[in-house]
Amino acid sequence: MFVALANGGGLSAGNGIGGVEGNALACAVLIALIDASLPCAAGSAANVARWRAGIAPRPELAPDPAVLPQYTGSYRRPNGEPARIFIERGQLWWQTTLGPYAMTQEAPDRFFMKADDHTLVFMRDESGRVTHVDITWPGDPATYSLPRM
């Protein structure tokens, strides 16, 4: 029996693979540990290529360390729990009970998380102060507005 766990579903979730032999991770493990002549390499490589073709590259900006502090603080999630945004190693991080996730800047006031492709847009009041962050997920048409706490 073979079991693989991953923190993401990029190569497995909803990709139309009928069996374990089409999964790139499973194929690599099967070839390395079971039988180097297993015929799964071509199929799993094709699945990876199909998956990569569906990912649109996102622009990445180098964050300005002088600007990042204006985004930090706690924001109230839709379930009432807080999310904390903080700076570490020169970049913004999103922290919830699930753990910290690095945020990548793609435009002024606009960031995304590579871990699950959240998009975070910081919203400002008339004076220019960040008041909340709007979050979207791919495949979900809703925008979730998280007020600053």
N, C-alpha and C. Protein backbone atom coordinates (compact mmCIF):
# COMPACT_ATOMS: atom_id res chain seq x y z
N MET A 1 0.85 -1.17 0.00
CA MET A 1 0.00 0.00 0.00
C MET A 1 0.89 1.23 0.00
N PHE A 2 0.47 2.25 -0.72
CA PHE A 2 1.21 3.50 -0.85
C PHE A 2 0.30 4.65 -0.44
N VAL A 3 0.78 5.51 0.44
CA VAL A 3 0.03 6.69 0.87
C VAL A 3 0.94 7.89 0.75
N ALA A 4 0.45 8.95 0.12
CA ALA A 4 1.20 10.20 0.01
C ALA A 4 0.32 11.33 0.52
N LEU A 5 0.87 12.16 1.35
CA LEU A 5 0.18 13.33 1.86
C LEU A 5 0.90 14.57 1.40
N ALA A 6 0.15 15.59 1.05
CA ALA A 6 0.76 16.84 0.62
C ALA A 6 -0.12 17.99 1.08
N ASN A 7 0.50 19.15 1.25
CA ASN A 7 -0.22 20.34 1.64
C ASN A 7 -0.60 21.11 0.37
N GLY A 8 -1.42 20.51 -0.42
CA GLY A 8 -1.86 21.14 -1.66
C GLY A 8 -2.45 20.11 -2.58
N GLY A 9 -3.18 20.54 -3.58
CA GLY A 9 -3.81 19.59 -4.47
C GLY A 9 -3.48 19.83 -5.92
N GLY A 10 -2.39 20.53 -6.19
CA GLY A 10 -2.06 20.91 -7.55
C GLY A 10 -1.96 19.77 -8.53
N LEU A 11 -1.41 18.64 -8.14
CA LEU A 11 -1.23 17.54 -9.08
C LEU A 11 -2.24 16.44 -8.89
N SER A 12 -3.10 16.54 -7.90
CA SER A 12 -4.02 15.45 -7.65
C SER A 12 -5.48 15.87 -7.73
N ALA A 13 -5.81 17.01 -7.21
CA ALA A 13 -7.22 17.37 -7.08
C ALA A 13 -7.83 17.73 -8.42
N GLY A 14 -8.81 16.97 -8.82
CA GLY A 14 -9.59 17.30 -10.01
C GLY A 14 -8.82 17.32 -11.31
N ASN A 15 -7.76 16.55 -11.42
CA ASN A 15 -7.00 16.58 -12.66
C ASN A 15 -7.34 15.43 -13.60
N GLY A 16 -8.32 14.64 -13.27
CA GLY A 16 -8.76 13.58 -14.16
C GLY A 16 -7.91 12.34 -14.14
N ILE A 17 -7.01 12.22 -13.21
CA ILE A 17 -6.15 11.04 -13.12
C ILE A 17 -6.96 9.91 -12.50
N GLY A 18 -7.06 8.79 -13.22
CA GLY A 18 -7.85 7.68 -12.73
C GLY A 18 -7.16 6.87 -11.66
N GLY A 19 -5.87 6.69 -11.76
CA GLY A 19 -5.14 5.87 -10.82
C GLY A 19 -3.89 6.53 -10.33
N VAL A 20 -3.24 5.91 -9.39
CA VAL A 20 -2.05 6.46 -8.78
C VAL A 20 -0.91 6.61 -9.79
N GLU A 21 -0.94 5.80 -10.84
CA GLU A 21 0.15 5.84 -11.82
C GLU A 21 0.22 7.15 -12.59
N GLY A 22 -0.83 7.96 -12.59
CA GLY A 22 -0.79 9.25 -13.27
C GLY A 22 -0.31 10.39 -12.41
N ASN A 23 -0.07 10.14 -11.14
CA ASN A 23 0.38 11.18 -10.22
C ASN A 23 1.90 11.25 -10.23
N ALA A 24 2.46 12.44 -10.43
CA ALA A 24 3.90 12.60 -10.56
C ALA A 24 4.65 12.15 -9.31
N LEU A 25 4.16 12.52 -8.14
CA LEU A 25 4.82 12.13 -6.89
C LEU A 25 4.76 10.62 -6.70
N ALA A 26 3.58 10.05 -6.90
CA ALA A 26 3.42 8.60 -6.73
C ALA A 26 4.29 7.85 -7.72
N CYS A 27 4.33 8.29 -8.96
CA CYS A 27 5.14 7.62 -9.98
C CYS A 27 6.62 7.65 -9.60
N ALA A 28 7.11 8.79 -9.15
CA ALA A 28 8.52 8.90 -8.77
C ALA A 28 8.85 7.94 -7.63
N VAL A 29 7.96 7.85 -6.65
CA VAL A 29 8.19 6.94 -5.52
C VAL A 29 8.12 5.49 -5.98
N LEU A 30 7.14 5.17 -6.81
CA LEU A 30 7.01 3.80 -7.30
C LEU A 30 8.24 3.37 -8.10
N ILE A 31 8.74 4.26 -8.96
CA ILE A 31 9.93 3.94 -9.75
C ILE A 31 11.15 3.79 -8.85
N ALA A 32 11.28 4.69 -7.87
CA ALA A 32 12.46 4.65 -7.00
C ALA A 32 12.43 3.46 -6.04
N LEU A 33 11.26 3.10 -5.55
CA LEU A 33 11.20 2.09 -4.50
C LEU A 33 10.67 0.73 -4.92
N ILE A 34 9.92 0.68 -6.01
CA ILE A 34 9.27 -0.58 -6.39
C ILE A 34 9.91 -1.19 -7.63
N ASP A 35 9.84 -0.46 -8.76
CA ASP A 35 10.30 -1.04 -10.02
C ASP A 35 10.66 0.10 -10.97
N ALA A 36 11.93 0.22 -11.31
CA ALA A 36 12.40 1.31 -12.17
C ALA A 36 11.81 1.23 -13.58
N SER A 37 11.27 0.08 -13.96
CA SER A 37 10.74 -0.06 -15.32
C SER A 37 9.24 0.20 -15.42
N LEU A 38 8.61 0.66 -14.36
CA LEU A 38 7.17 0.94 -14.41
C LEU A 38 6.88 2.00 -15.47
N PRO A 39 5.78 1.85 -16.23
CA PRO A 39 5.51 2.75 -17.35
C PRO A 39 4.71 4.00 -16.98
N CYS A 40 4.89 4.52 -15.80
CA CYS A 40 4.07 5.67 -15.40
C CYS A 40 4.72 7.02 -15.69
N ALA A 41 5.99 7.06 -16.03
CA ALA A 41 6.70 8.34 -16.18
C ALA A 41 6.10 9.23 -17.26
N ALA A 42 5.80 8.68 -18.42
CA ALA A 42 5.26 9.49 -19.52
C ALA A 42 3.89 10.06 -19.16
N GLY A 43 3.04 9.24 -18.57
CA GLY A 43 1.71 9.71 -18.19
C GLY A 43 1.75 10.77 -17.12
N SER A 44 2.58 10.58 -16.11
CA SER A 44 2.65 11.58 -15.05
C SER A 44 3.29 12.87 -15.56
N ALA A 45 4.28 12.77 -16.47
CA ALA A 45 4.90 13.97 -17.05
C ALA A 45 3.87 14.74 -17.87
N ALA A 46 3.01 14.04 -18.58
CA ALA A 46 1.96 14.71 -19.36
C ALA A 46 0.97 15.41 -18.44
N ASN A 47 0.65 14.79 -17.32
CA ASN A 47 -0.26 15.41 -16.35
C ASN A 47 0.36 16.67 -15.75
N VAL A 48 1.65 16.63 -15.44
CA VAL A 48 2.33 17.81 -14.90
C VAL A 48 2.34 18.92 -15.95
N ALA A 49 2.62 18.58 -17.21
CA ALA A 49 2.63 19.59 -18.27
C ALA A 49 1.25 20.22 -18.44
N ARG A 50 0.20 19.41 -18.39
CA ARG A 50 -1.17 19.93 -18.50
C ARG A 50 -1.50 20.85 -17.33
N TRP A 51 -1.06 20.45 -16.12
CA TRP A 51 -1.29 21.27 -14.92
C TRP A 51 -0.55 22.61 -15.04
N ARG A 52 0.73 22.56 -15.45
CA ARG A 52 1.52 23.80 -15.58
C ARG A 52 0.94 24.73 -16.64
N ALA A 53 0.42 24.18 -17.72
CA ALA A 53 -0.14 25.00 -18.79
C ALA A 53 -1.35 25.80 -18.31
N GLY A 54 -2.03 25.29 -17.30
CA GLY A 54 -3.20 25.98 -16.77
C GLY A 54 -2.89 27.05 -15.74
N ILE A 55 -1.62 27.21 -15.39
CA ILE A 55 -1.23 28.20 -14.39
C ILE A 55 -0.72 29.45 -15.09
N ALA A 56 -1.41 30.53 -14.92
CA ALA A 56 -0.98 31.80 -15.50
C ALA A 56 0.09 32.41 -14.60
N PRO A 57 1.22 32.80 -15.18
CA PRO A 57 2.25 33.44 -14.35
C PRO A 57 1.76 34.78 -13.81
N ARG A 58 2.14 35.05 -12.58
CA ARG A 58 1.75 36.32 -11.96
C ARG A 58 2.99 37.18 -11.81
N PRO A 59 2.84 38.49 -12.01
CA PRO A 59 4.00 39.37 -11.84
C PRO A 59 4.41 39.41 -10.37
N GLU A 60 5.69 39.57 -10.14
CA GLU A 60 6.20 39.68 -8.77
C GLU A 60 7.04 40.93 -8.66
N LEU A 61 6.71 41.75 -7.68
CA LEU A 61 7.46 42.96 -7.41
C LEU A 61 8.31 42.76 -6.17
N ALA A 62 9.45 43.41 -6.13
CA ALA A 62 10.25 43.43 -4.91
C ALA A 62 9.59 44.42 -3.96
N PRO A 63 9.19 43.97 -2.77
CA PRO A 63 8.50 44.89 -1.85
C PRO A 63 9.42 45.99 -1.34
N ASP A 64 8.85 47.15 -1.11
CA ASP A 64 9.57 48.28 -0.54
C ASP A 64 9.49 48.15 0.99
N PRO A 65 10.61 47.89 1.66
CA PRO A 65 10.57 47.71 3.11
C PRO A 65 9.99 48.90 3.87
N ALA A 66 10.07 50.09 3.31
CA ALA A 66 9.53 51.27 3.98
C ALA A 66 8.01 51.31 3.92
N VAL A 67 7.40 50.61 2.97
CA VAL A 67 5.94 50.63 2.78
C VAL A 67 5.25 49.48 3.52
N LEU A 68 5.93 48.37 3.71
CA LEU A 68 5.30 47.17 4.28
C LEU A 68 4.64 47.38 5.64
N PRO A 69 5.19 48.18 6.57
CA PRO A 69 4.54 48.30 7.88
C PRO A 69 3.09 48.79 7.84
N GLN A 70 2.70 49.53 6.81
CA GLN A 70 1.33 50.03 6.76
C GLN A 70 0.30 48.92 6.59
N TYR A 71 0.72 47.73 6.15
CA TYR A 71 -0.20 46.61 5.96
C TYR A 71 -0.30 45.71 7.19
N THR A 72 0.66 45.80 8.09
CA THR A 72 0.71 44.88 9.22
C THR A 72 -0.41 45.14 10.22
N GLY A 73 -0.75 44.08 10.95
CA GLY A 73 -1.79 44.18 11.97
C GLY A 73 -2.70 42.98 11.92
N SER A 74 -3.77 43.06 12.67
CA SER A 74 -4.76 41.97 12.72
C SER A 74 -6.00 42.36 11.93
N TYR A 75 -6.54 41.39 11.22
CA TYR A 75 -7.73 41.57 10.42
C TYR A 75 -8.74 40.49 10.81
N ARG A 76 -10.02 40.85 10.85
CA ARG A 76 -11.06 39.90 11.26
C ARG A 76 -11.53 39.09 10.05
N ARG A 77 -11.34 37.76 10.14
CA ARG A 77 -11.78 36.84 9.09
C ARG A 77 -13.30 36.66 9.15
N PRO A 78 -13.93 36.17 8.07
CA PRO A 78 -15.39 35.99 8.06
C PRO A 78 -15.91 35.12 9.19
N ASN A 79 -15.09 34.18 9.67
CA ASN A 79 -15.53 33.33 10.79
C ASN A 79 -15.33 34.00 12.15
N GLY A 80 -14.86 35.24 12.16
CA GLY A 80 -14.65 35.99 13.40
C GLY A 80 -13.25 35.87 13.97
N GLU A 81 -12.50 34.87 13.52
CA GLU A 81 -11.14 34.69 14.02
C GLU A 81 -10.20 35.71 13.37
N PRO A 82 -9.12 36.05 14.07
CA PRO A 82 -8.19 37.02 13.50
C PRO A 82 -7.20 36.37 12.53
N ALA A 83 -6.75 37.17 11.60
CA ALA A 83 -5.61 36.85 10.76
C ALA A 83 -4.60 37.95 11.04
N ARG A 84 -3.36 37.57 11.20
CA ARG A 84 -2.32 38.56 11.49
C ARG A 84 -1.41 38.68 10.29
N ILE A 85 -1.10 39.89 9.91
CA ILE A 85 -0.14 40.15 8.84
C ILE A 85 1.07 40.80 9.49
N PHE A 86 2.23 40.20 9.24
CA PHE A 86 3.46 40.69 9.86
C PHE A 86 4.60 40.63 8.84
N ILE A 87 5.71 41.26 9.21
CA ILE A 87 6.89 41.31 8.35
C ILE A 87 7.95 40.38 8.92
N GLU A 88 8.51 39.56 8.06
CA GLU A 88 9.64 38.71 8.43
C GLU A 88 10.49 38.50 7.19
N ARG A 89 11.79 38.62 7.34
CA ARG A 89 12.75 38.44 6.25
C ARG A 89 12.42 39.35 5.04
N GLY A 90 11.97 40.55 5.34
CA GLY A 90 11.73 41.54 4.30
C GLY A 90 10.47 41.36 3.48
N GLN A 91 9.56 40.48 3.93
CA GLN A 91 8.31 40.33 3.20
C GLN A 91 7.14 40.16 4.15
N LEU A 92 5.94 40.35 3.61
CA LEU A 92 4.73 40.19 4.41
C LEU A 92 4.38 38.71 4.55
N TRP A 93 3.80 38.39 5.70
CA TRP A 93 3.33 37.03 5.98
C TRP A 93 1.91 37.10 6.51
N TRP A 94 1.11 36.10 6.17
CA TRP A 94 -0.28 35.93 6.61
C TRP A 94 -0.27 34.82 7.63
N GLN A 95 -0.77 35.07 8.83
CA GLN A 95 -0.76 34.09 9.92
C GLN A 95 -2.18 33.84 10.42
N THR A 96 -2.59 32.56 10.40
CA THR A 96 -3.85 32.14 11.02
C THR A 96 -3.52 30.90 11.86
N THR A 97 -4.55 30.23 12.35
CA THR A 97 -4.32 29.01 13.12
C THR A 97 -3.72 27.91 12.24
N LEU A 98 -3.83 28.05 10.91
CA LEU A 98 -3.27 27.05 9.99
C LEU A 98 -1.78 27.23 9.77
N GLY A 99 -1.24 28.37 10.16
CA GLY A 99 0.19 28.61 10.02
C GLY A 99 0.48 29.90 9.28
N PRO A 100 1.76 30.22 9.13
CA PRO A 100 2.14 31.42 8.39
C PRO A 100 2.34 31.11 6.90
N TYR A 101 1.94 32.06 6.06
CA TYR A 101 2.10 31.92 4.62
C TYR A 101 2.72 33.18 4.06
N ALA A 102 3.74 33.04 3.24
CA ALA A 102 4.41 34.18 2.63
C ALA A 102 3.47 34.84 1.61
N MET A 103 3.54 36.16 1.56
CA MET A 103 2.75 36.94 0.61
C MET A 103 3.70 37.55 -0.41
N THR A 104 3.34 37.47 -1.68
CA THR A 104 4.16 38.01 -2.76
C THR A 104 3.45 39.22 -3.35
N GLN A 105 4.18 40.30 -3.50
CA GLN A 105 3.57 41.53 -4.03
C GLN A 105 3.55 41.46 -5.55
N GLU A 106 2.37 41.81 -6.14
CA GLU A 106 2.28 41.85 -7.59
C GLU A 106 1.92 43.23 -8.12
N ALA A 107 1.47 44.13 -7.26
CA ALA A 107 1.15 45.50 -7.63
C ALA A 107 1.05 46.30 -6.34
N PRO A 108 1.03 47.64 -6.43
CA PRO A 108 0.84 48.40 -5.19
C PRO A 108 -0.46 47.96 -4.51
N ASP A 109 -0.39 47.69 -3.24
CA ASP A 109 -1.53 47.27 -2.41
C ASP A 109 -2.12 45.92 -2.80
N ARG A 110 -1.46 45.16 -3.67
CA ARG A 110 -1.98 43.87 -4.15
C ARG A 110 -0.92 42.78 -3.97
N PHE A 111 -1.32 41.72 -3.25
CA PHE A 111 -0.42 40.60 -2.95
C PHE A 111 -1.14 39.29 -3.25
N PHE A 112 -0.37 38.21 -3.33
CA PHE A 112 -0.97 36.88 -3.44
C PHE A 112 -0.13 35.90 -2.65
N MET A 113 -0.75 34.77 -2.33
CA MET A 113 -0.05 33.70 -1.61
C MET A 113 0.14 32.54 -2.57
N LYS A 114 1.38 32.17 -2.82
CA LYS A 114 1.67 31.08 -3.73
C LYS A 114 1.15 29.75 -3.19
N ALA A 115 1.02 29.64 -1.88
CA ALA A 115 0.59 28.37 -1.27
C ALA A 115 -0.80 27.96 -1.74
N ASP A 116 -1.72 28.91 -1.92
CA ASP A 116 -3.07 28.53 -2.33
C ASP A 116 -3.71 29.55 -3.25
N ASP A 117 -2.91 30.49 -3.77
CA ASP A 117 -3.35 31.46 -4.76
C ASP A 117 -4.42 32.43 -4.29
N HIS A 118 -4.46 32.70 -2.96
CA HIS A 118 -5.30 33.81 -2.48
C HIS A 118 -4.79 35.10 -3.13
N THR A 119 -5.69 36.02 -3.40
CA THR A 119 -5.29 37.37 -3.79
C THR A 119 -5.77 38.30 -2.70
N LEU A 120 -4.88 39.16 -2.23
CA LEU A 120 -5.18 40.10 -1.15
C LEU A 120 -4.97 41.52 -1.66
N VAL A 121 -6.02 42.33 -1.61
CA VAL A 121 -5.94 43.73 -2.03
C VAL A 121 -6.25 44.59 -0.82
N PHE A 122 -5.27 45.40 -0.42
CA PHE A 122 -5.44 46.28 0.73
C PHE A 122 -6.19 47.53 0.30
N MET A 123 -7.23 47.86 1.06
CA MET A 123 -8.09 48.98 0.74
C MET A 123 -7.82 50.13 1.71
N ARG A 124 -7.96 51.35 1.21
CA ARG A 124 -7.63 52.55 1.99
C ARG A 124 -8.82 53.48 2.11
N ASP A 125 -8.79 54.28 3.18
CA ASP A 125 -9.80 55.32 3.32
C ASP A 125 -9.32 56.58 2.61
N GLU A 126 -10.10 57.67 2.71
CA GLU A 126 -9.76 58.91 2.00
C GLU A 126 -8.40 59.47 2.41
N SER A 127 -7.99 59.20 3.64
CA SER A 127 -6.70 59.73 4.10
C SER A 127 -5.52 58.86 3.67
N GLY A 128 -5.79 57.70 3.07
CA GLY A 128 -4.72 56.82 2.62
C GLY A 128 -4.36 55.72 3.60
N ARG A 129 -5.08 55.65 4.72
CA ARG A 129 -4.81 54.63 5.73
C ARG A 129 -5.46 53.31 5.32
N VAL A 130 -4.71 52.20 5.47
CA VAL A 130 -5.25 50.87 5.17
C VAL A 130 -6.32 50.54 6.21
N THR A 131 -7.54 50.25 5.74
CA THR A 131 -8.66 49.98 6.65
C THR A 131 -9.10 48.51 6.64
N HIS A 132 -8.91 47.84 5.51
CA HIS A 132 -9.30 46.43 5.41
C HIS A 132 -8.58 45.79 4.23
N VAL A 133 -8.71 44.50 4.14
CA VAL A 133 -8.13 43.77 3.01
C VAL A 133 -9.23 42.94 2.38
N ASP A 134 -9.31 42.99 1.06
CA ASP A 134 -10.26 42.17 0.30
C ASP A 134 -9.52 40.93 -0.20
N ILE A 135 -10.10 39.76 0.05
CA ILE A 135 -9.46 38.49 -0.31
C ILE A 135 -10.34 37.74 -1.29
N THR A 136 -9.72 37.18 -2.32
CA THR A 136 -10.41 36.31 -3.26
C THR A 136 -9.61 35.03 -3.45
N TRP A 137 -10.31 33.97 -3.85
CA TRP A 137 -9.71 32.68 -4.17
C TRP A 137 -10.09 32.33 -5.60
N PRO A 138 -9.20 31.63 -6.32
CA PRO A 138 -9.58 31.18 -7.67
C PRO A 138 -10.79 30.25 -7.59
N GLY A 139 -11.70 30.41 -8.50
CA GLY A 139 -12.88 29.55 -8.54
C GLY A 139 -14.00 29.96 -7.60
N ASP A 140 -13.77 30.96 -6.77
CA ASP A 140 -14.80 31.45 -5.86
C ASP A 140 -15.12 32.88 -6.27
N PRO A 141 -16.34 33.15 -6.73
CA PRO A 141 -16.66 34.49 -7.22
C PRO A 141 -16.78 35.55 -6.11
N ALA A 142 -16.84 35.11 -4.87
CA ALA A 142 -17.02 36.05 -3.76
C ALA A 142 -15.72 36.78 -3.41
N THR A 143 -15.88 37.99 -2.91
CA THR A 143 -14.76 38.74 -2.33
C THR A 143 -15.05 38.87 -0.85
N TYR A 144 -14.09 38.50 -0.04
CA TYR A 144 -14.24 38.55 1.41
C TYR A 144 -13.48 39.75 1.94
N SER A 145 -14.20 40.67 2.58
CA SER A 145 -13.61 41.89 3.09
C SER A 145 -13.31 41.71 4.57
N LEU A 146 -12.04 41.80 4.94
CA LEU A 146 -11.61 41.61 6.31
C LEU A 146 -11.22 42.96 6.91
N PRO A 147 -12.03 43.46 7.85
CA PRO A 147 -11.70 44.75 8.46
C PRO A 147 -10.50 44.64 9.39
N ARG A 148 -9.80 45.73 9.50
CA ARG A 148 -8.68 45.80 10.44
C ARG A 148 -9.24 45.80 11.86
N MET A 149 -8.61 45.08 12.74
CA MET A 149 -9.08 45.00 14.12
C MET A 149 -8.37 46.05 14.96
